[in-house]
N, C-alpha and C. Protein backbone atom coordinates (compact mmCIF):
# COMPACT_ATOMS: atom_id res chain seq x y z
N UNK A 1 47.69 -55.38 95.71
CA UNK A 1 48.22 -56.40 94.83
C UNK A 1 49.58 -56.85 95.40
N UNK A 2 49.75 -58.14 95.47
CA UNK A 2 50.99 -58.67 96.03
C UNK A 2 52.10 -58.64 94.98
N UNK A 3 53.32 -58.83 95.44
CA UNK A 3 54.47 -58.86 94.53
C UNK A 3 54.34 -60.00 93.54
N UNK A 4 53.79 -61.12 93.98
CA UNK A 4 53.60 -62.28 93.09
C UNK A 4 52.60 -61.96 91.98
N UNK A 5 51.52 -61.28 92.32
CA UNK A 5 50.51 -60.89 91.32
C UNK A 5 51.08 -59.90 90.31
N UNK A 6 51.87 -58.96 90.79
CA UNK A 6 52.50 -57.99 89.90
C UNK A 6 53.46 -58.70 88.95
N UNK A 7 54.23 -59.66 89.50
CA UNK A 7 55.17 -60.43 88.70
C UNK A 7 54.41 -61.22 87.62
N UNK A 8 53.26 -61.80 87.98
CA UNK A 8 52.45 -62.56 87.02
C UNK A 8 51.93 -61.65 85.92
N UNK A 9 51.49 -60.44 86.27
CA UNK A 9 51.02 -59.48 85.26
C UNK A 9 52.15 -59.08 84.32
N UNK A 10 53.31 -58.82 84.87
CA UNK A 10 54.47 -58.46 84.04
C UNK A 10 54.82 -59.61 83.11
N UNK A 11 54.80 -60.82 83.63
CA UNK A 11 55.11 -62.00 82.83
C UNK A 11 54.12 -62.14 81.67
N UNK A 12 52.83 -61.97 81.95
CA UNK A 12 51.80 -62.09 80.91
C UNK A 12 51.96 -61.00 79.85
N UNK A 13 52.18 -59.78 80.28
CA UNK A 13 52.35 -58.68 79.33
C UNK A 13 53.58 -58.85 78.46
N UNK A 14 54.68 -59.21 79.09
CA UNK A 14 55.92 -59.41 78.33
C UNK A 14 55.82 -60.63 77.42
N UNK A 15 55.12 -61.67 77.88
CA UNK A 15 54.90 -62.85 77.04
C UNK A 15 54.10 -62.50 75.80
N UNK A 16 53.09 -61.64 75.96
CA UNK A 16 52.29 -61.19 74.82
C UNK A 16 53.17 -60.45 73.82
N UNK A 17 54.03 -59.55 74.30
CA UNK A 17 54.91 -58.80 73.41
C UNK A 17 55.93 -59.73 72.74
N UNK A 18 56.39 -60.74 73.46
CA UNK A 18 57.33 -61.71 72.87
C UNK A 18 56.63 -62.46 71.74
N UNK A 19 55.42 -62.93 71.98
CA UNK A 19 54.67 -63.65 70.96
C UNK A 19 54.39 -62.75 69.75
N UNK A 20 53.99 -61.51 70.00
CA UNK A 20 53.75 -60.56 68.92
C UNK A 20 55.02 -60.36 68.10
N UNK A 21 56.14 -60.20 68.77
CA UNK A 21 57.42 -60.01 68.09
C UNK A 21 57.80 -61.21 67.24
N UNK A 22 57.60 -62.40 67.77
CA UNK A 22 57.92 -63.61 67.01
C UNK A 22 57.02 -63.76 65.78
N UNK A 23 55.75 -63.44 65.93
CA UNK A 23 54.82 -63.50 64.79
C UNK A 23 55.23 -62.48 63.73
N UNK A 24 55.54 -61.26 64.16
CA UNK A 24 55.95 -60.22 63.21
C UNK A 24 57.23 -60.62 62.48
N UNK A 25 58.20 -61.14 63.21
CA UNK A 25 59.46 -61.56 62.60
C UNK A 25 59.22 -62.69 61.59
N UNK A 26 58.38 -63.64 61.96
CA UNK A 26 58.07 -64.75 61.06
C UNK A 26 57.38 -64.26 59.80
N UNK A 27 56.39 -63.39 59.95
CA UNK A 27 55.66 -62.87 58.79
C UNK A 27 56.58 -62.05 57.89
N UNK A 28 57.39 -61.19 58.48
CA UNK A 28 58.32 -60.38 57.68
C UNK A 28 59.33 -61.25 56.94
N UNK A 29 59.83 -62.28 57.60
CA UNK A 29 60.78 -63.20 56.95
C UNK A 29 60.11 -63.94 55.81
N UNK A 30 58.88 -64.40 56.03
CA UNK A 30 58.12 -65.08 54.98
C UNK A 30 57.91 -64.15 53.78
N UNK A 31 57.58 -62.88 54.05
CA UNK A 31 57.37 -61.89 53.00
C UNK A 31 58.67 -61.67 52.22
N UNK A 32 59.80 -61.63 52.94
CA UNK A 32 61.10 -61.48 52.26
C UNK A 32 61.39 -62.67 51.36
N UNK A 33 61.08 -63.88 51.83
CA UNK A 33 61.30 -65.08 51.02
C UNK A 33 60.42 -65.06 49.77
N UNK A 34 59.18 -64.60 49.90
CA UNK A 34 58.31 -64.48 48.72
C UNK A 34 58.87 -63.48 47.72
N UNK A 35 59.40 -62.37 48.21
CA UNK A 35 59.99 -61.36 47.34
C UNK A 35 61.23 -61.93 46.64
N UNK A 36 62.04 -62.67 47.39
CA UNK A 36 63.24 -63.28 46.80
C UNK A 36 62.85 -64.28 45.72
N UNK A 37 61.82 -65.09 45.97
CA UNK A 37 61.34 -66.05 44.97
C UNK A 37 60.79 -65.33 43.75
N UNK A 38 60.06 -64.25 43.98
CA UNK A 38 59.53 -63.44 42.88
C UNK A 38 60.67 -62.97 41.98
N UNK A 39 61.72 -62.43 42.59
CA UNK A 39 62.84 -61.90 41.81
C UNK A 39 63.63 -63.01 41.12
N UNK A 40 63.72 -64.19 41.76
CA UNK A 40 64.47 -65.31 41.16
C UNK A 40 63.80 -65.81 39.88
N UNK A 41 62.47 -65.75 39.82
CA UNK A 41 61.74 -66.26 38.67
C UNK A 41 61.35 -65.17 37.68
N UNK A 42 61.56 -63.92 38.02
CA UNK A 42 61.03 -62.79 37.25
C UNK A 42 61.78 -62.56 35.94
N UNK A 43 61.08 -61.92 35.02
CA UNK A 43 61.68 -61.37 33.81
C UNK A 43 61.92 -59.90 34.09
N UNK A 44 62.96 -59.34 33.47
CA UNK A 44 63.36 -57.96 33.77
C UNK A 44 63.36 -57.12 32.51
N UNK A 45 62.96 -55.87 32.69
CA UNK A 45 62.99 -54.90 31.60
C UNK A 45 63.02 -53.51 32.22
N UNK A 46 63.00 -52.49 31.39
CA UNK A 46 62.90 -51.12 31.88
C UNK A 46 61.55 -50.56 31.49
N UNK A 47 61.06 -49.65 32.29
CA UNK A 47 59.80 -49.00 32.01
C UNK A 47 59.93 -47.51 32.27
N UNK A 48 58.85 -46.80 31.97
CA UNK A 48 58.83 -45.35 32.17
C UNK A 48 57.63 -45.01 33.05
N UNK A 49 57.85 -44.19 34.07
CA UNK A 49 56.75 -43.72 34.92
C UNK A 49 55.94 -42.72 34.09
N UNK A 50 54.63 -43.02 33.94
CA UNK A 50 53.78 -42.17 33.11
C UNK A 50 52.79 -41.35 33.92
N UNK A 51 52.60 -41.71 35.20
CA UNK A 51 51.63 -40.98 36.02
C UNK A 51 51.88 -41.30 37.49
N UNK A 52 51.38 -40.45 38.36
CA UNK A 52 51.36 -40.72 39.79
C UNK A 52 49.89 -40.72 40.19
N UNK A 53 49.34 -41.92 40.41
CA UNK A 53 47.91 -42.09 40.66
C UNK A 53 47.61 -41.95 42.15
N UNK A 54 46.58 -41.17 42.47
CA UNK A 54 46.16 -41.01 43.86
C UNK A 54 45.60 -42.34 44.36
N UNK A 55 46.08 -42.78 45.51
CA UNK A 55 45.61 -44.04 46.08
C UNK A 55 44.17 -43.88 46.54
N UNK A 56 43.32 -44.87 46.29
CA UNK A 56 41.91 -44.78 46.68
C UNK A 56 41.75 -44.62 48.19
N UNK A 57 40.88 -43.72 48.59
CA UNK A 57 40.59 -43.53 50.01
C UNK A 57 41.62 -42.72 50.76
N UNK A 58 42.60 -42.15 50.06
CA UNK A 58 43.60 -41.33 50.76
C UNK A 58 43.70 -39.99 50.06
N UNK A 59 43.95 -38.99 50.84
CA UNK A 59 44.03 -37.66 50.27
C UNK A 59 45.35 -37.35 49.60
N UNK A 60 46.44 -37.85 50.15
CA UNK A 60 47.74 -37.39 49.67
C UNK A 60 48.72 -38.52 49.39
N UNK A 61 48.25 -39.71 49.14
CA UNK A 61 49.15 -40.82 48.83
C UNK A 61 49.05 -41.17 47.36
N UNK A 62 50.22 -41.34 46.74
CA UNK A 62 50.28 -41.59 45.31
C UNK A 62 51.11 -42.83 45.02
N UNK A 63 50.71 -43.56 43.99
CA UNK A 63 51.50 -44.71 43.55
C UNK A 63 51.88 -44.48 42.08
N UNK A 64 53.11 -44.86 41.72
CA UNK A 64 53.55 -44.64 40.34
C UNK A 64 52.85 -45.59 39.36
N UNK A 65 52.52 -45.06 38.20
CA UNK A 65 51.97 -45.86 37.10
C UNK A 65 53.07 -45.89 36.05
N UNK A 66 53.43 -47.09 35.60
CA UNK A 66 54.54 -47.20 34.65
C UNK A 66 54.13 -47.99 33.42
N UNK A 67 54.84 -47.71 32.32
CA UNK A 67 54.59 -48.37 31.04
C UNK A 67 55.85 -49.13 30.66
N UNK A 68 55.67 -50.34 30.15
CA UNK A 68 56.80 -51.15 29.72
C UNK A 68 56.33 -52.13 28.66
N UNK A 69 57.28 -52.77 27.99
CA UNK A 69 56.95 -53.81 27.02
C UNK A 69 57.34 -55.16 27.62
N UNK A 70 56.41 -56.13 27.53
CA UNK A 70 56.70 -57.46 28.05
C UNK A 70 57.54 -58.24 27.06
N UNK A 71 57.79 -59.52 27.36
CA UNK A 71 58.66 -60.36 26.53
C UNK A 71 58.14 -60.51 25.10
N UNK A 72 56.82 -60.40 24.91
CA UNK A 72 56.23 -60.52 23.57
C UNK A 72 56.21 -59.20 22.82
N UNK A 73 56.66 -58.13 23.46
CA UNK A 73 56.65 -56.81 22.83
C UNK A 73 55.35 -56.05 23.02
N UNK A 74 54.44 -56.61 23.81
CA UNK A 74 53.17 -55.94 24.09
C UNK A 74 53.39 -54.85 25.13
N UNK A 75 52.87 -53.66 24.84
CA UNK A 75 53.02 -52.56 25.79
C UNK A 75 52.00 -52.71 26.91
N UNK A 76 52.47 -52.59 28.14
CA UNK A 76 51.62 -52.73 29.33
C UNK A 76 51.71 -51.47 30.17
N UNK A 77 50.62 -51.15 30.85
CA UNK A 77 50.59 -50.03 31.80
C UNK A 77 50.10 -50.61 33.13
N UNK A 78 50.91 -50.44 34.16
CA UNK A 78 50.62 -51.04 35.47
C UNK A 78 50.84 -49.99 36.56
N UNK A 79 49.98 -50.02 37.58
CA UNK A 79 50.15 -49.15 38.76
C UNK A 79 50.81 -49.96 39.86
N UNK A 80 51.81 -49.40 40.50
CA UNK A 80 52.51 -50.04 41.61
C UNK A 80 51.56 -50.15 42.80
N UNK A 81 51.67 -51.23 43.58
CA UNK A 81 50.82 -51.43 44.75
C UNK A 81 51.18 -50.49 45.91
N UNK A 82 52.43 -50.10 45.99
CA UNK A 82 52.92 -49.29 47.11
C UNK A 82 52.67 -47.82 46.82
N UNK A 83 52.02 -47.13 47.77
CA UNK A 83 51.75 -45.70 47.63
C UNK A 83 52.45 -44.95 48.77
N UNK A 84 52.84 -43.71 48.50
CA UNK A 84 53.46 -42.89 49.53
C UNK A 84 53.08 -41.43 49.32
N UNK A 85 53.32 -40.63 50.37
CA UNK A 85 52.96 -39.22 50.26
C UNK A 85 53.97 -38.42 49.45
N UNK A 86 55.17 -38.89 49.35
CA UNK A 86 56.17 -38.24 48.49
C UNK A 86 56.82 -39.32 47.64
N UNK A 87 56.39 -39.42 46.41
CA UNK A 87 56.86 -40.49 45.55
C UNK A 87 58.33 -40.31 45.21
N UNK A 88 59.11 -41.38 45.29
CA UNK A 88 60.52 -41.29 44.90
C UNK A 88 60.68 -41.31 43.38
N UNK A 89 59.58 -41.44 42.66
CA UNK A 89 59.62 -41.52 41.20
C UNK A 89 59.00 -40.28 40.59
N UNK A 90 59.53 -39.87 39.45
CA UNK A 90 59.03 -38.71 38.72
C UNK A 90 58.45 -39.16 37.39
N UNK A 91 57.45 -38.46 36.92
CA UNK A 91 56.89 -38.76 35.61
C UNK A 91 57.99 -38.60 34.56
N UNK A 92 58.13 -39.61 33.70
CA UNK A 92 59.16 -39.61 32.67
C UNK A 92 60.43 -40.35 33.07
N UNK A 93 60.53 -40.72 34.34
CA UNK A 93 61.72 -41.42 34.84
C UNK A 93 61.74 -42.86 34.35
N UNK A 94 62.91 -43.33 33.93
CA UNK A 94 63.08 -44.73 33.54
C UNK A 94 63.35 -45.54 34.80
N UNK A 95 62.61 -46.66 34.96
CA UNK A 95 62.73 -47.49 36.16
C UNK A 95 62.90 -48.95 35.76
N UNK A 96 63.68 -49.72 36.55
CA UNK A 96 63.80 -51.15 36.28
C UNK A 96 62.53 -51.88 36.73
N UNK A 97 62.07 -52.81 35.91
CA UNK A 97 60.82 -53.52 36.16
C UNK A 97 61.10 -55.02 36.26
N UNK A 98 60.40 -55.69 37.16
CA UNK A 98 60.43 -57.16 37.26
C UNK A 98 58.99 -57.64 37.22
N UNK A 99 58.76 -58.74 36.47
CA UNK A 99 57.42 -59.30 36.42
C UNK A 99 57.49 -60.81 36.25
N UNK A 100 56.48 -61.52 36.78
CA UNK A 100 56.48 -62.97 36.65
C UNK A 100 56.28 -63.38 35.19
N UNK A 101 56.98 -64.40 34.73
CA UNK A 101 56.79 -64.85 33.35
C UNK A 101 55.32 -65.21 33.10
N UNK A 102 54.79 -64.68 32.02
CA UNK A 102 53.41 -64.97 31.67
C UNK A 102 52.37 -64.14 32.40
N UNK A 103 52.79 -63.27 33.31
CA UNK A 103 51.82 -62.43 34.04
C UNK A 103 52.36 -61.02 34.21
N UNK A 104 52.51 -60.28 33.11
CA UNK A 104 53.11 -58.95 33.18
C UNK A 104 52.28 -57.92 33.94
N UNK A 105 51.02 -58.21 34.21
CA UNK A 105 50.20 -57.26 34.97
C UNK A 105 50.54 -57.26 36.46
N UNK A 106 51.39 -58.21 36.89
CA UNK A 106 51.88 -58.23 38.28
C UNK A 106 53.28 -57.65 38.36
N UNK A 107 53.60 -56.78 37.44
CA UNK A 107 54.93 -56.17 37.40
C UNK A 107 55.15 -55.27 38.61
N UNK A 108 56.40 -55.18 39.04
CA UNK A 108 56.80 -54.34 40.17
C UNK A 108 58.03 -53.54 39.78
N UNK A 109 58.13 -52.33 40.30
CA UNK A 109 59.34 -51.54 40.12
C UNK A 109 60.40 -52.13 41.04
N UNK A 110 61.60 -52.33 40.49
CA UNK A 110 62.71 -52.88 41.28
C UNK A 110 63.37 -51.76 42.07
N UNK A 111 62.87 -51.52 43.26
CA UNK A 111 63.45 -50.51 44.15
C UNK A 111 63.26 -51.00 45.58
N UNK A 112 64.14 -50.60 46.47
CA UNK A 112 64.06 -51.03 47.86
C UNK A 112 62.69 -50.71 48.45
N UNK A 113 62.20 -49.50 48.21
CA UNK A 113 60.94 -49.06 48.80
C UNK A 113 59.74 -49.85 48.33
N UNK A 114 59.76 -50.34 47.11
CA UNK A 114 58.60 -51.07 46.59
C UNK A 114 58.68 -52.57 46.86
N UNK A 115 59.88 -53.11 46.97
CA UNK A 115 60.03 -54.56 47.14
C UNK A 115 60.37 -54.98 48.58
N UNK A 116 61.25 -54.23 49.23
CA UNK A 116 61.82 -54.72 50.48
C UNK A 116 61.46 -53.91 51.73
N UNK A 117 60.98 -52.68 51.59
CA UNK A 117 60.79 -51.81 52.75
C UNK A 117 59.87 -52.43 53.80
N UNK A 118 58.68 -52.85 53.41
CA UNK A 118 57.72 -53.37 54.39
C UNK A 118 58.14 -54.71 55.01
N UNK A 119 58.66 -55.66 54.24
CA UNK A 119 59.12 -56.89 54.90
C UNK A 119 60.25 -56.64 55.90
N UNK A 120 61.18 -55.75 55.55
CA UNK A 120 62.28 -55.43 56.47
C UNK A 120 61.75 -54.69 57.69
N UNK A 121 60.82 -53.76 57.49
CA UNK A 121 60.24 -53.01 58.61
C UNK A 121 59.52 -53.94 59.59
N UNK A 122 58.67 -54.82 59.06
CA UNK A 122 57.92 -55.74 59.91
C UNK A 122 58.87 -56.68 60.66
N UNK A 123 59.86 -57.23 59.95
CA UNK A 123 60.83 -58.13 60.60
C UNK A 123 61.62 -57.39 61.67
N UNK A 124 62.07 -56.19 61.36
CA UNK A 124 62.86 -55.40 62.31
C UNK A 124 62.07 -55.06 63.57
N UNK A 125 60.81 -54.68 63.38
CA UNK A 125 59.97 -54.39 64.55
C UNK A 125 59.75 -55.65 65.37
N UNK A 126 59.57 -56.79 64.70
CA UNK A 126 59.40 -58.05 65.41
C UNK A 126 60.62 -58.42 66.23
N UNK A 127 61.80 -58.23 65.65
CA UNK A 127 63.04 -58.52 66.38
C UNK A 127 63.16 -57.59 67.58
N UNK A 128 62.85 -56.31 67.39
CA UNK A 128 62.92 -55.34 68.50
C UNK A 128 61.94 -55.72 69.61
N UNK A 129 60.69 -56.04 69.25
CA UNK A 129 59.71 -56.47 70.26
C UNK A 129 60.23 -57.69 71.02
N UNK A 130 60.76 -58.66 70.29
CA UNK A 130 61.24 -59.89 70.92
C UNK A 130 62.41 -59.63 71.85
N UNK A 131 63.35 -58.80 71.42
CA UNK A 131 64.52 -58.51 72.26
C UNK A 131 64.13 -57.78 73.53
N UNK A 132 63.30 -56.74 73.39
CA UNK A 132 62.92 -55.96 74.57
C UNK A 132 62.12 -56.83 75.55
N UNK A 133 61.17 -57.60 75.01
CA UNK A 133 60.38 -58.46 75.91
C UNK A 133 61.24 -59.59 76.48
N UNK A 134 62.20 -60.09 75.72
CA UNK A 134 63.09 -61.12 76.22
C UNK A 134 63.93 -60.62 77.39
N UNK A 135 64.42 -59.39 77.28
CA UNK A 135 65.19 -58.81 78.39
C UNK A 135 64.29 -58.65 79.61
N UNK A 136 63.06 -58.17 79.38
CA UNK A 136 62.11 -58.01 80.49
C UNK A 136 61.76 -59.35 81.13
N UNK A 137 61.52 -60.36 80.30
CA UNK A 137 61.20 -61.69 80.84
C UNK A 137 62.37 -62.26 81.63
N UNK A 138 63.58 -62.02 81.17
CA UNK A 138 64.76 -62.48 81.90
C UNK A 138 64.78 -61.88 83.30
N UNK A 139 64.45 -60.61 83.37
CA UNK A 139 64.47 -59.96 84.68
C UNK A 139 63.34 -60.43 85.57
N UNK A 140 62.17 -60.69 84.98
CA UNK A 140 61.03 -61.17 85.78
C UNK A 140 61.28 -62.60 86.26
N UNK A 141 61.70 -63.47 85.35
CA UNK A 141 61.86 -64.89 85.68
C UNK A 141 63.07 -65.13 86.58
N UNK A 142 64.20 -64.56 86.18
CA UNK A 142 65.44 -64.86 86.88
C UNK A 142 65.84 -63.79 87.89
N UNK A 143 64.95 -62.84 88.14
CA UNK A 143 65.21 -61.82 89.15
C UNK A 143 66.42 -60.97 88.84
N UNK A 144 66.43 -60.44 87.60
CA UNK A 144 67.54 -59.59 87.19
C UNK A 144 67.79 -58.48 88.21
N UNK A 145 68.97 -57.92 88.17
CA UNK A 145 69.43 -56.97 89.17
C UNK A 145 68.49 -55.78 89.35
N UNK A 146 67.86 -55.34 88.29
CA UNK A 146 67.05 -54.12 88.40
C UNK A 146 65.55 -54.39 88.52
N UNK A 147 65.13 -55.63 88.53
CA UNK A 147 63.70 -55.91 88.59
C UNK A 147 63.20 -55.87 90.02
N UNK A 148 62.33 -54.90 90.30
CA UNK A 148 61.67 -54.82 91.58
C UNK A 148 60.21 -54.49 91.30
N UNK A 149 59.31 -55.43 91.49
CA UNK A 149 57.91 -55.14 91.18
C UNK A 149 57.36 -54.03 92.06
N UNK A 150 56.60 -53.15 91.42
CA UNK A 150 55.96 -52.06 92.15
C UNK A 150 54.74 -52.60 92.84
N UNK A 151 54.65 -52.46 94.13
CA UNK A 151 53.55 -53.01 94.92
C UNK A 151 52.97 -51.91 95.76
N UNK A 152 51.61 -51.84 95.80
CA UNK A 152 50.97 -50.85 96.65
C UNK A 152 50.54 -51.46 97.96
């Protein structure tokens, strides 16, 4: 394989990682904007964790089930979408709740782990992928000081 072919392979691989990083960053940012919009329009109350439900198809992942009263005073019981192997919530714990007006069954616990963890994780990984591949592409395209293609 010639040095040019190796350089082309490196360029293609790094370009793929750059594209993946940009897609991840875009998706994570979009998810954060949806969460921000959810919170801007939400109604707020407090609820009590009444159970830790085993997530379907998993042996050791649990999601908190909480009870709260909506704006009409109707008592609701909702399971959080986010499950983990060690729940940060305890049965009987009072938790802040946010829910869309008129749709209390879409209620969410107001905590970093339930609202923001995954959007921030996906965005952060996307930024990291983009930065690392950007540095690599700089070296491939502009012949950075340390770039020497391995040729057999």
